[in-house]
């Protein structure tokens, strides 16, 4: 079927522009830009009837099999929609396996391979534009590199302008949350020296705090990997705190204290009281800005590892605090609009602390970008063909759907397993997503299987316990798959 006028045509370059050194240390991090590929294929092409040019570096492993897998998640015909041909999905891969940003790899003027890929992208844009498409460049976060590429192509990006990147720092995020009326943990101002950080911690200690999270402020550090945990047991004055700082436990196990200390001058750092409770939860809000309008997109309960690091998520956030999370998240978006932001995704992370009245929400940080929850949400809503209702739930023919999502399903036994082998095993399993029941498991981040023994999945179910069970059974299944 020929696409109708005004169909979407998307150039997807999901460059995560954090510290290249961090990307080098995280297992499989160079493959993170691959996470949204399946969701984009389903939403833009299979559901939207459009065209997609997705860029990865390195390229997708078993690319043809992966594209076919995602296209076949929806039936051949659904409400008059005819299944699109594979040629509506263009996978542009670069051989560069370094930890450089994906945008740096693509815009490398010294690389003939990158130049050829840029030419292919330009041809795609001109062809689709001439056919009547609405063309844009989809990014993960604000990016000077991708703004330059978009300008060359004559298209817009879907994220905030790069000049707003400083709004996403830990320190500026605290100020913005406070301006929006979101309670925040007690914390220090942004510090640029160890001496200033020690003074900030000492001031918090005077108010009775003994446990702290030290956070590198720059947007270079995502998923909590720029955090350190400090417990004070000795002297609480500035000198005593300064002596205690090197005892902080770094969340990134491959980062030394000397490296963390050196980064403070470049990145800035803040100290916050460490909120701890056996029942502590971490709900998050995802929103988007379109002109002057703030749209509440989704809520999740995040699964956190040590030091408040993101591991996975459950949709939607618990009903006990979901409405409050949505209200506070929208308030933050309005503050971004007041500061001039007119487009793009943003996320707000909270800590939910149980108290006598139920739950007390504390703003944790602002992310002026897409978040790790987005690709799972786009996949689920595109497959189900429904968006959240006013209560933040996904209702399909009057019946709720929830999901569990993870990017970090891993086991050493998976090393050497190819994506096509896992796809084939899942297709033969009752866990495979079924468009008739609108439940089941959908895979992503499959290229990380072979080398790193890890992958991602979204488990869509009628309730959370069923989604949890699917996730457990998926791991039981995958470790039994024979490698070719």
Protein backbone atom coordinates (compact mmCIF):
# COMPACT_ATOMS: atom_id res chain seq x y z
CA UNK A 1 0.00 0.00 0.00
CA UNK A 2 1.36 3.44 -0.87
CA UNK A 3 1.73 5.73 2.14
CA UNK A 4 -0.85 8.49 2.40
CA UNK A 5 0.12 12.16 2.21
CA UNK A 6 1.54 13.47 5.45
CA UNK A 7 2.77 10.10 6.68
CA UNK A 8 5.68 10.13 9.18
CA UNK A 9 9.23 9.69 7.94
CA UNK A 10 11.77 9.60 10.75
CA UNK A 11 15.54 9.70 10.84
CA UNK A 12 16.38 8.14 14.20
CA UNK A 13 19.80 8.87 15.74
CA UNK A 14 19.50 7.99 19.42
CA UNK A 15 22.88 9.32 20.51
CA UNK A 16 23.45 9.16 24.29
CA UNK A 17 25.75 12.11 24.82
CA UNK A 18 27.11 11.38 28.25
CA UNK A 19 30.72 10.84 29.28
CA UNK A 20 32.53 8.69 26.66
CA UNK A 21 34.60 7.28 29.52
CA UNK A 22 31.37 6.17 31.22
CA UNK A 23 30.13 4.59 28.00
CA UNK A 24 33.42 2.74 27.75
CA UNK A 25 33.00 1.25 31.22
CA UNK A 26 29.33 0.23 31.02
CA UNK A 27 28.78 -3.24 29.63
CA UNK A 28 27.32 -2.93 26.13
CA UNK A 29 26.74 0.82 26.45
CA UNK A 30 27.79 1.53 22.86
CA UNK A 31 24.71 -0.48 21.85
CA UNK A 32 22.28 1.59 23.95
CA UNK A 33 21.20 3.66 20.89
CA UNK A 34 19.73 0.40 19.58
CA UNK A 35 17.18 0.18 22.40
CA UNK A 36 14.40 2.18 20.65
CA UNK A 37 14.83 0.54 17.22
CA UNK A 38 12.02 -1.98 17.65
CA UNK A 39 9.64 0.57 19.15
CA UNK A 40 10.33 2.94 16.25
CA UNK A 41 9.70 0.21 13.67
CA UNK A 42 6.37 -0.66 15.28
CA UNK A 43 5.18 2.91 15.92
CA UNK A 44 6.42 4.69 12.80
CA UNK A 45 6.18 1.95 10.18
CA UNK A 46 3.95 -0.94 11.24
CA UNK A 47 1.38 1.19 13.08
CA UNK A 48 1.97 4.60 11.51
CA UNK A 49 2.33 3.58 7.86
CA UNK A 50 5.48 5.66 7.58
CA UNK A 51 9.18 5.22 6.86
CA UNK A 52 12.16 4.92 9.18
CA UNK A 53 15.90 5.41 8.75
CA UNK A 54 17.62 4.27 11.93
CA UNK A 55 21.33 4.72 12.63
CA UNK A 56 23.39 2.51 14.93
CA UNK A 57 27.11 2.03 15.50
CA UNK A 58 28.01 -0.76 15.47
CA UNK A 59 25.33 -2.06 13.15
CA UNK A 60 22.44 -4.31 14.13
CA UNK A 61 23.38 -7.96 14.48
CA UNK A 62 21.05 -10.14 12.38
CA UNK A 63 19.46 -6.92 11.10
CA UNK A 64 17.08 -8.55 8.59
CA UNK A 65 15.76 -10.97 11.20
CA UNK A 66 15.32 -8.19 13.76
CA UNK A 67 13.41 -5.93 11.35
CA UNK A 68 11.19 -8.84 10.30
CA UNK A 69 10.52 -9.70 13.95
CA UNK A 70 9.32 -6.20 14.81
CA UNK A 71 7.23 -5.81 11.66
CA UNK A 72 5.47 -9.12 12.34
CA UNK A 73 4.38 -8.15 15.87
CA UNK A 74 1.21 -6.70 14.36
CA UNK A 75 -1.10 -8.75 12.10
CA UNK A 76 -0.94 -8.45 8.31
CA UNK A 77 -4.19 -6.51 8.33
CA UNK A 78 -5.64 -4.55 11.20
CA UNK A 79 -8.43 -1.99 10.83
CA UNK A 80 -7.70 -1.68 7.12
CA UNK A 81 -3.95 -1.26 7.60
CA UNK A 82 -1.80 -3.40 5.33
CA UNK A 83 1.49 -4.67 6.65
CA UNK A 84 4.31 -2.47 5.29
CA UNK A 85 7.14 -3.78 3.19
CA UNK A 86 10.58 -4.17 4.72
CA UNK A 87 11.91 -1.46 2.43
CA UNK A 88 10.09 1.10 4.59
CA UNK A 89 12.75 0.41 7.24
CA UNK A 90 16.32 1.44 6.43
CA UNK A 91 19.02 0.33 8.87
CA UNK A 92 22.17 2.41 8.58
CA UNK A 93 25.04 0.93 10.53
CA UNK A 94 28.60 2.12 11.10
CA UNK A 95 31.41 -0.28 11.94
CA UNK A 96 32.79 2.08 14.62
CA UNK A 97 32.63 0.19 17.95
CA UNK A 98 34.31 2.90 20.00
CA UNK A 99 32.70 4.67 22.96
CA UNK A 100 32.36 7.93 21.05
CA UNK A 101 28.90 9.45 20.84
CA UNK A 102 26.82 8.09 17.99
CA UNK A 103 26.45 11.63 16.66
CA UNK A 104 30.26 12.05 16.63
CA UNK A 105 30.61 8.85 14.65
CA UNK A 106 27.97 9.91 12.14
CA UNK A 107 29.35 13.43 11.66
CA UNK A 108 33.01 12.37 11.45
CA UNK A 109 34.36 14.33 8.48
CA UNK A 110 37.39 12.04 8.23
CA UNK A 111 35.33 8.86 7.82
CA UNK A 112 34.34 7.82 4.31
CA UNK A 113 31.86 5.35 5.79
CA UNK A 114 30.15 8.13 7.79
CA UNK A 115 30.07 10.41 4.74
CA UNK A 116 28.39 7.68 2.69
CA UNK A 117 25.83 7.13 5.44
CA UNK A 118 25.07 10.85 5.67
CA UNK A 119 24.49 10.86 1.91
CA UNK A 120 22.05 7.97 2.25
CA UNK A 121 20.18 9.82 4.98
CA UNK A 122 19.94 12.95 2.80
CA UNK A 123 18.57 10.86 -0.07
CA UNK A 124 16.01 9.29 2.27
CA UNK A 125 14.86 12.70 3.50
CA UNK A 126 14.51 14.14 -0.01
CA UNK A 127 12.70 11.08 -1.32
CA UNK A 128 10.21 10.95 1.52
CA UNK A 129 9.68 14.71 1.55
CA UNK A 130 8.95 14.66 -2.19
CA UNK A 131 6.37 11.92 -1.56
CA UNK A 132 4.56 14.13 0.94
CA UNK A 133 5.96 12.86 4.23
CA UNK A 134 6.32 14.80 7.45
CA UNK A 135 10.05 14.34 8.08
CA UNK A 136 11.91 14.91 11.32
CA UNK A 137 15.03 13.80 13.14
CA UNK A 138 14.37 11.80 16.30
CA UNK A 139 17.00 12.13 19.03
CA UNK A 140 17.44 10.85 22.57
CA UNK A 141 18.43 14.20 24.03
CA UNK A 142 19.32 17.79 23.10
CA UNK A 143 22.43 17.69 20.93
CA UNK A 144 24.51 20.34 19.18
CA UNK A 145 25.73 17.69 16.75
CA UNK A 146 22.25 16.58 15.77
CA UNK A 147 21.01 20.15 15.49
CA UNK A 148 23.74 20.67 12.89
CA UNK A 149 22.69 17.51 11.05
CA UNK A 150 19.03 18.52 11.15
CA UNK A 151 19.89 21.94 9.75
CA UNK A 152 21.77 20.30 6.85
CA UNK A 153 18.78 18.09 6.16
CA UNK A 154 16.28 20.93 6.49
CA UNK A 155 14.27 19.19 9.24
CA UNK A 156 13.52 19.74 12.92
CA UNK A 157 14.59 17.57 15.82
CA UNK A 158 12.07 16.32 18.38
CA UNK A 159 14.09 17.34 21.46
CA UNK A 160 14.75 20.64 23.19
CA UNK A 161 17.28 22.99 21.67
CA UNK A 162 20.86 22.29 22.71
CA UNK A 163 21.13 25.68 24.43
CA UNK A 164 18.87 24.30 27.16
CA UNK A 165 21.21 21.41 28.06
CA UNK A 166 22.32 23.15 31.33
CA UNK A 167 18.74 22.85 32.63
CA UNK A 168 19.34 19.11 32.88
CA UNK A 169 22.18 19.28 35.39
CA UNK A 170 21.59 17.98 38.91
CA UNK A 171 22.02 21.41 40.47
CA UNK A 172 19.80 23.29 38.02
CA UNK A 173 17.25 20.49 38.20
CA UNK A 174 16.97 20.97 41.98
CA UNK A 175 16.37 24.68 41.51
CA UNK A 176 13.75 24.05 38.86
CA UNK A 177 11.96 21.41 40.96
CA UNK A 178 11.90 23.81 43.88
CA UNK A 179 10.47 26.59 41.68
CA UNK A 180 7.72 24.20 40.59
CA UNK A 181 6.75 23.52 44.20
CA UNK A 182 8.16 19.99 44.22
CA UNK A 183 9.65 19.01 47.59
CA UNK A 184 13.32 18.03 47.30
CA UNK A 185 15.74 16.33 49.65
CA UNK A 186 17.91 18.63 51.71
CA UNK A 187 21.04 19.36 49.74
CA UNK A 188 23.96 21.64 49.05
CA UNK A 189 24.59 24.18 46.35
CA UNK A 190 26.69 23.08 43.37
CA UNK A 191 30.34 22.74 44.42
CA UNK A 192 33.45 22.90 42.27
CA UNK A 193 36.09 21.84 44.80
CA UNK A 194 36.40 19.09 47.40
CA UNK A 195 36.69 21.77 50.08
CA UNK A 196 33.38 23.34 49.07
CA UNK A 197 31.71 19.92 48.89
CA UNK A 198 32.99 19.10 52.38
CA UNK A 199 31.58 22.39 53.64
CA UNK A 200 28.21 21.60 52.06
CA UNK A 201 28.13 18.12 53.63
CA UNK A 202 29.15 19.54 57.01
CA UNK A 203 26.26 22.01 56.87
CA UNK A 204 23.86 19.13 56.22
CA UNK A 205 25.44 17.14 59.05
CA UNK A 206 24.74 20.03 61.43
CA UNK A 207 21.06 19.50 60.64
CA UNK A 208 21.26 15.89 61.77
CA UNK A 209 22.02 14.01 58.55
CA UNK A 210 24.61 11.25 58.48
CA UNK A 211 24.01 9.49 55.14
CA UNK A 212 24.46 11.31 51.83
CA UNK A 213 24.39 10.90 48.08
CA UNK A 214 27.15 12.83 46.31
CA UNK A 215 26.16 13.54 42.71
CA UNK A 216 28.26 14.79 39.83
CA UNK A 217 26.05 17.53 38.44
CA UNK A 218 26.77 17.36 34.72
CA UNK A 219 24.41 15.69 32.25
CA UNK A 220 27.39 13.51 31.29
CA UNK A 221 26.48 11.06 34.04
CA UNK A 222 23.28 9.10 33.53
CA UNK A 223 21.45 6.34 35.40
CA UNK A 224 23.08 7.31 38.71
CA UNK A 225 26.56 6.36 37.54
CA UNK A 226 27.95 9.71 38.70
CA UNK A 227 26.85 9.11 42.30
CA UNK A 228 28.74 8.17 45.45
CA UNK A 229 27.33 7.16 48.84
CA UNK A 230 28.83 8.65 51.98
CA UNK A 231 28.27 7.63 55.60
CA UNK A 232 29.67 9.91 58.32
CA UNK A 233 30.75 8.20 61.52
CA UNK A 234 33.54 10.52 62.61
CA UNK A 235 33.97 14.28 63.10
CA UNK A 236 31.27 16.34 61.42
CA UNK A 237 33.13 19.60 60.93
CA UNK A 238 34.51 20.66 57.55
CA UNK A 239 37.95 19.10 58.18
CA UNK A 240 36.45 15.83 59.41
CA UNK A 241 34.13 15.61 56.40
CA UNK A 242 36.98 16.41 54.00
CA UNK A 243 38.96 13.51 55.45
CA UNK A 244 35.92 11.22 55.15
CA UNK A 245 35.03 12.03 51.54
CA UNK A 246 37.44 9.46 49.99
CA UNK A 247 35.60 6.71 51.90
CA UNK A 248 32.47 7.31 49.82
CA UNK A 249 31.27 4.22 47.94
CA UNK A 250 31.21 4.96 44.22
CA UNK A 251 28.23 3.59 42.31
CA UNK A 252 30.39 3.11 39.22
CA UNK A 253 32.72 0.30 40.31
CA UNK A 254 35.24 1.19 37.61
CA UNK A 255 35.59 4.79 38.80
CA UNK A 256 38.25 5.66 41.38
CA UNK A 257 37.85 8.31 44.04
CA UNK A 258 40.64 10.36 42.46
CA UNK A 259 38.74 10.33 39.15
CA UNK A 260 35.51 11.31 40.91
CA UNK A 261 37.28 14.15 42.74
CA UNK A 262 38.87 15.38 39.52
CA UNK A 263 35.46 15.39 37.80
CA UNK A 264 34.03 17.72 40.46
CA UNK A 265 35.96 20.68 39.06
CA UNK A 266 34.74 19.98 35.55
CA UNK A 267 31.20 18.81 36.27
CA UNK A 268 30.30 20.33 39.60
CA UNK A 269 28.81 18.23 42.39
CA UNK A 270 26.02 18.41 44.93
CA UNK A 271 25.39 16.58 48.18
CA UNK A 272 21.93 15.42 49.23
CA UNK A 273 20.59 13.68 52.29
CA UNK A 274 20.24 9.96 51.61
CA UNK A 275 16.61 8.97 52.01
CA UNK A 276 16.37 5.39 53.19
CA UNK A 277 13.44 3.19 54.07
CA UNK A 278 12.75 -0.49 53.58
CA UNK A 279 9.65 0.45 51.55
CA UNK A 280 11.23 3.32 49.62
CA UNK A 281 10.03 3.51 46.01
CA UNK A 282 11.08 5.51 42.97
CA UNK A 283 8.18 6.63 40.76
CA UNK A 284 8.96 8.65 37.64
CA UNK A 285 7.04 10.96 35.34
CA UNK A 286 7.53 11.34 31.62
CA UNK A 287 6.23 14.38 29.78
CA UNK A 288 6.66 16.21 26.53
CA UNK A 289 6.44 19.85 25.52
CA UNK A 290 4.73 20.99 22.33
CA UNK A 291 4.85 24.75 21.97
CA UNK A 292 3.35 26.17 25.15
CA UNK A 293 1.56 22.91 26.00
CA UNK A 294 2.80 20.40 28.56
CA UNK A 295 1.59 16.84 27.97
CA UNK A 296 1.64 14.15 30.67
CA UNK A 297 2.84 11.05 28.81
CA UNK A 298 3.39 8.29 31.37
CA UNK A 299 4.33 7.26 34.89
CA UNK A 300 6.43 4.33 36.02
CA UNK A 301 7.77 2.79 39.18
CA UNK A 302 11.48 2.51 38.61
CA UNK A 303 13.52 -0.46 39.73
CA UNK A 304 16.69 0.93 41.29
CA UNK A 305 20.01 -0.66 42.09
CA UNK A 306 22.52 0.62 44.61
CA UNK A 307 23.04 4.38 44.71
CA UNK A 308 19.72 5.13 43.02
CA UNK A 309 20.76 3.66 39.65
CA UNK A 310 18.09 2.79 37.09
CA UNK A 311 17.64 -0.94 36.34
CA UNK A 312 14.10 -1.30 34.97
CA UNK A 313 10.53 -0.08 35.33
CA UNK A 314 6.90 -1.00 35.86
CA UNK A 315 3.99 0.78 34.16
CA UNK A 316 1.99 2.50 35.53
CA UNK A 317 3.20 3.95 38.83
CA UNK A 318 1.29 2.80 41.90
CA UNK A 319 -2.20 4.29 42.19
CA UNK A 320 -1.38 5.42 45.75
CA UNK A 321 0.73 8.29 44.41
CA UNK A 322 0.25 8.26 40.62
CA UNK A 323 -2.03 11.33 40.49
CA UNK A 324 0.40 13.33 42.62
CA UNK A 325 3.32 12.27 40.39
CA UNK A 326 1.41 13.44 37.31
CA UNK A 327 0.49 16.76 38.91
CA UNK A 328 4.02 17.53 40.05
CA UNK A 329 5.49 16.36 36.73
CA UNK A 330 3.27 18.75 34.78
CA UNK A 331 4.26 21.60 37.11
CA UNK A 332 7.90 20.96 36.26
CA UNK A 333 7.08 21.04 32.55
CA UNK A 334 5.44 24.42 32.97
CA UNK A 335 8.61 25.71 34.58
CA UNK A 336 10.57 24.50 31.53
CA UNK A 337 8.16 26.36 29.27
CA UNK A 338 8.66 29.51 31.35
CA UNK A 339 12.39 29.15 30.71
CA UNK A 340 11.85 29.00 26.95
CA UNK A 341 11.70 25.27 26.18
CA UNK A 342 9.18 24.70 23.38
CA UNK A 343 9.64 21.08 22.41
CA UNK A 344 11.02 17.76 23.53
CA UNK A 345 10.79 15.05 26.16
CA UNK A 346 11.58 15.43 29.82
CA UNK A 347 11.39 13.20 32.87
CA UNK A 348 11.14 13.77 36.61
CA UNK A 349 12.36 11.15 39.07
CA UNK A 350 10.88 11.00 42.56
CA UNK A 351 11.40 9.07 45.75
CA UNK A 352 8.21 7.93 47.48
CA UNK A 353 8.72 7.67 51.23
CA UNK A 354 6.02 5.99 53.36
CA UNK A 355 4.66 8.10 56.21
CA UNK A 356 1.63 8.25 58.49
CA UNK A 357 -0.58 9.74 55.76
CA UNK A 358 0.47 7.32 53.01
CA UNK A 359 3.36 8.42 50.79
CA UNK A 360 5.53 11.52 50.77
CA UNK A 361 6.93 12.41 47.34
CA UNK A 362 10.39 13.95 47.09
CA UNK A 363 11.77 15.23 43.78
CA UNK A 364 15.00 13.46 42.93
CA UNK A 365 16.10 14.95 39.60
CA UNK A 366 15.04 16.34 36.24
CA UNK A 367 16.10 14.78 32.93
CA UNK A 368 15.74 17.14 29.97
CA UNK A 369 15.69 14.30 27.43
CA UNK A 370 14.05 10.98 26.74
CA UNK A 371 14.37 8.51 29.59
CA UNK A 372 15.12 4.81 29.82
CA UNK A 373 11.38 4.16 30.06
CA UNK A 374 10.45 5.67 26.69
CA UNK A 375 11.12 2.81 24.29
CA UNK A 376 9.15 0.34 26.40
CA UNK A 377 6.23 2.75 26.60
CA UNK A 378 6.26 3.45 22.85
CA UNK A 379 6.41 -0.26 22.11
CA UNK A 380 3.51 -1.11 24.43
CA UNK A 381 1.23 1.73 23.35
CA UNK A 382 1.94 1.13 19.66
CA UNK A 383 1.16 -2.57 19.93
CA UNK A 384 -1.97 -1.95 21.99
CA UNK A 385 -2.96 1.09 19.88
CA UNK A 386 -4.00 3.04 22.96
CA UNK A 387 -2.67 5.90 25.07
CA UNK A 388 -3.06 6.33 28.83
CA UNK A 389 -6.39 7.59 30.12
CA UNK A 390 -6.84 10.47 32.57
CA UNK A 391 -5.79 8.14 35.41
CA UNK A 392 -2.57 7.21 33.61
CA UNK A 393 -3.68 3.64 32.80
CA UNK A 394 -3.74 1.71 29.53
CA UNK A 395 -7.25 0.38 28.97
CA UNK A 396 -7.93 -2.07 26.11
CA UNK A 397 -11.64 -2.74 25.56
CA UNK A 398 -12.28 -1.86 29.17
CA UNK A 399 -9.52 -4.12 30.51
CA UNK A 400 -6.28 -2.73 31.91
CA UNK A 401 -2.83 -3.59 30.56
CA UNK A 402 0.38 -3.09 32.51
CA UNK A 403 3.97 -3.98 31.70
CA UNK A 404 7.38 -4.63 33.13
CA UNK A 405 10.42 -3.43 31.17
CA UNK A 406 14.15 -4.02 31.50
CA UNK A 407 17.27 -3.27 29.47
CA UNK A 408 19.48 -5.42 31.65
CA UNK A 409 18.37 -9.04 31.44
CA UNK A 410 21.71 -10.78 31.55
CA UNK A 411 23.39 -14.12 32.20
CA UNK A 412 26.93 -15.25 31.29
CA UNK A 413 25.38 -18.30 29.63
CA UNK A 414 23.87 -16.03 26.97
CA UNK A 415 27.23 -14.95 25.55
CA UNK A 416 27.47 -16.27 21.99
CA UNK A 417 23.69 -16.38 21.48
CA UNK A 418 22.56 -14.63 18.30
CA UNK A 419 19.44 -12.43 18.10
CA UNK A 420 17.83 -14.65 15.46
CA UNK A 421 18.12 -17.65 17.78
CA UNK A 422 16.36 -15.91 20.66
CA UNK A 423 13.70 -14.53 18.30
CA UNK A 424 13.02 -18.02 16.94
CA UNK A 425 12.78 -19.51 20.44
CA UNK A 426 10.39 -16.81 21.65
CA UNK A 427 8.16 -17.17 18.59
CA UNK A 428 7.70 -20.84 19.44
CA UNK A 429 6.96 -20.06 23.09
CA UNK A 430 3.62 -19.11 24.69
CA UNK A 431 5.45 -16.03 26.02
CA UNK A 432 5.58 -14.47 22.53
CA UNK A 433 3.44 -11.33 22.19
CA UNK A 434 -0.02 -12.22 20.86
CA UNK A 435 -1.86 -9.39 19.10
CA UNK A 436 -5.18 -11.16 19.70
CA UNK A 437 -4.89 -11.26 23.50
CA UNK A 438 -2.67 -8.16 23.53
CA UNK A 439 -0.34 -9.76 26.05
CA UNK A 440 3.14 -11.25 25.93
CA UNK A 441 6.84 -10.54 25.67
CA UNK A 442 8.59 -8.24 23.20
CA UNK A 443 12.39 -8.16 22.89
CA UNK A 444 14.84 -5.31 22.29
CA UNK A 445 18.58 -4.50 22.56
CA UNK A 446 19.26 -7.83 20.91
CA UNK A 447 22.70 -7.06 19.46
CA UNK A 448 24.12 -7.08 23.00
CA UNK A 449 23.35 -10.78 23.35
CA UNK A 450 26.27 -12.22 21.40
CA UNK A 451 29.11 -10.33 23.08
CA UNK A 452 27.70 -9.27 26.44
CA UNK A 453 25.05 -11.90 27.23
CA UNK A 454 22.38 -9.27 27.85
CA UNK A 455 19.22 -7.97 26.20
CA UNK A 456 15.99 -6.13 26.99
CA UNK A 457 12.31 -6.97 27.04
CA UNK A 458 8.84 -5.57 27.67
CA UNK A 459 6.31 -7.92 29.29
CA UNK A 460 2.71 -6.82 28.68
CA UNK A 461 0.04 -8.37 30.91
CA UNK A 462 -3.32 -7.77 32.59
CA UNK A 463 -1.70 -7.24 36.00
CA UNK A 464 1.69 -6.76 37.58
CA UNK A 465 2.05 -10.26 38.98
CA UNK A 466 1.49 -11.73 35.50
CA UNK A 467 4.06 -9.34 34.03
CA UNK A 468 6.56 -10.31 36.75
CA UNK A 469 5.96 -13.99 35.99
CA UNK A 470 6.55 -13.42 32.27
CA UNK A 471 9.89 -11.77 33.02
CA UNK A 472 10.99 -14.73 35.17
CA UNK A 473 9.85 -17.28 32.61
CA UNK A 474 11.62 -15.37 29.84
CA UNK A 475 14.99 -15.79 31.56
CA UNK A 476 14.21 -19.47 32.17
CA UNK A 477 13.52 -19.81 28.46
CA UNK A 478 16.50 -17.93 27.12
CA UNK A 479 19.13 -19.87 29.04
CA UNK A 480 17.87 -23.07 27.37
CA UNK A 481 18.25 -21.77 23.79
CA UNK A 482 20.95 -23.67 21.95
CA UNK A 483 23.63 -21.64 20.20
CA UNK A 484 24.30 -22.40 16.57
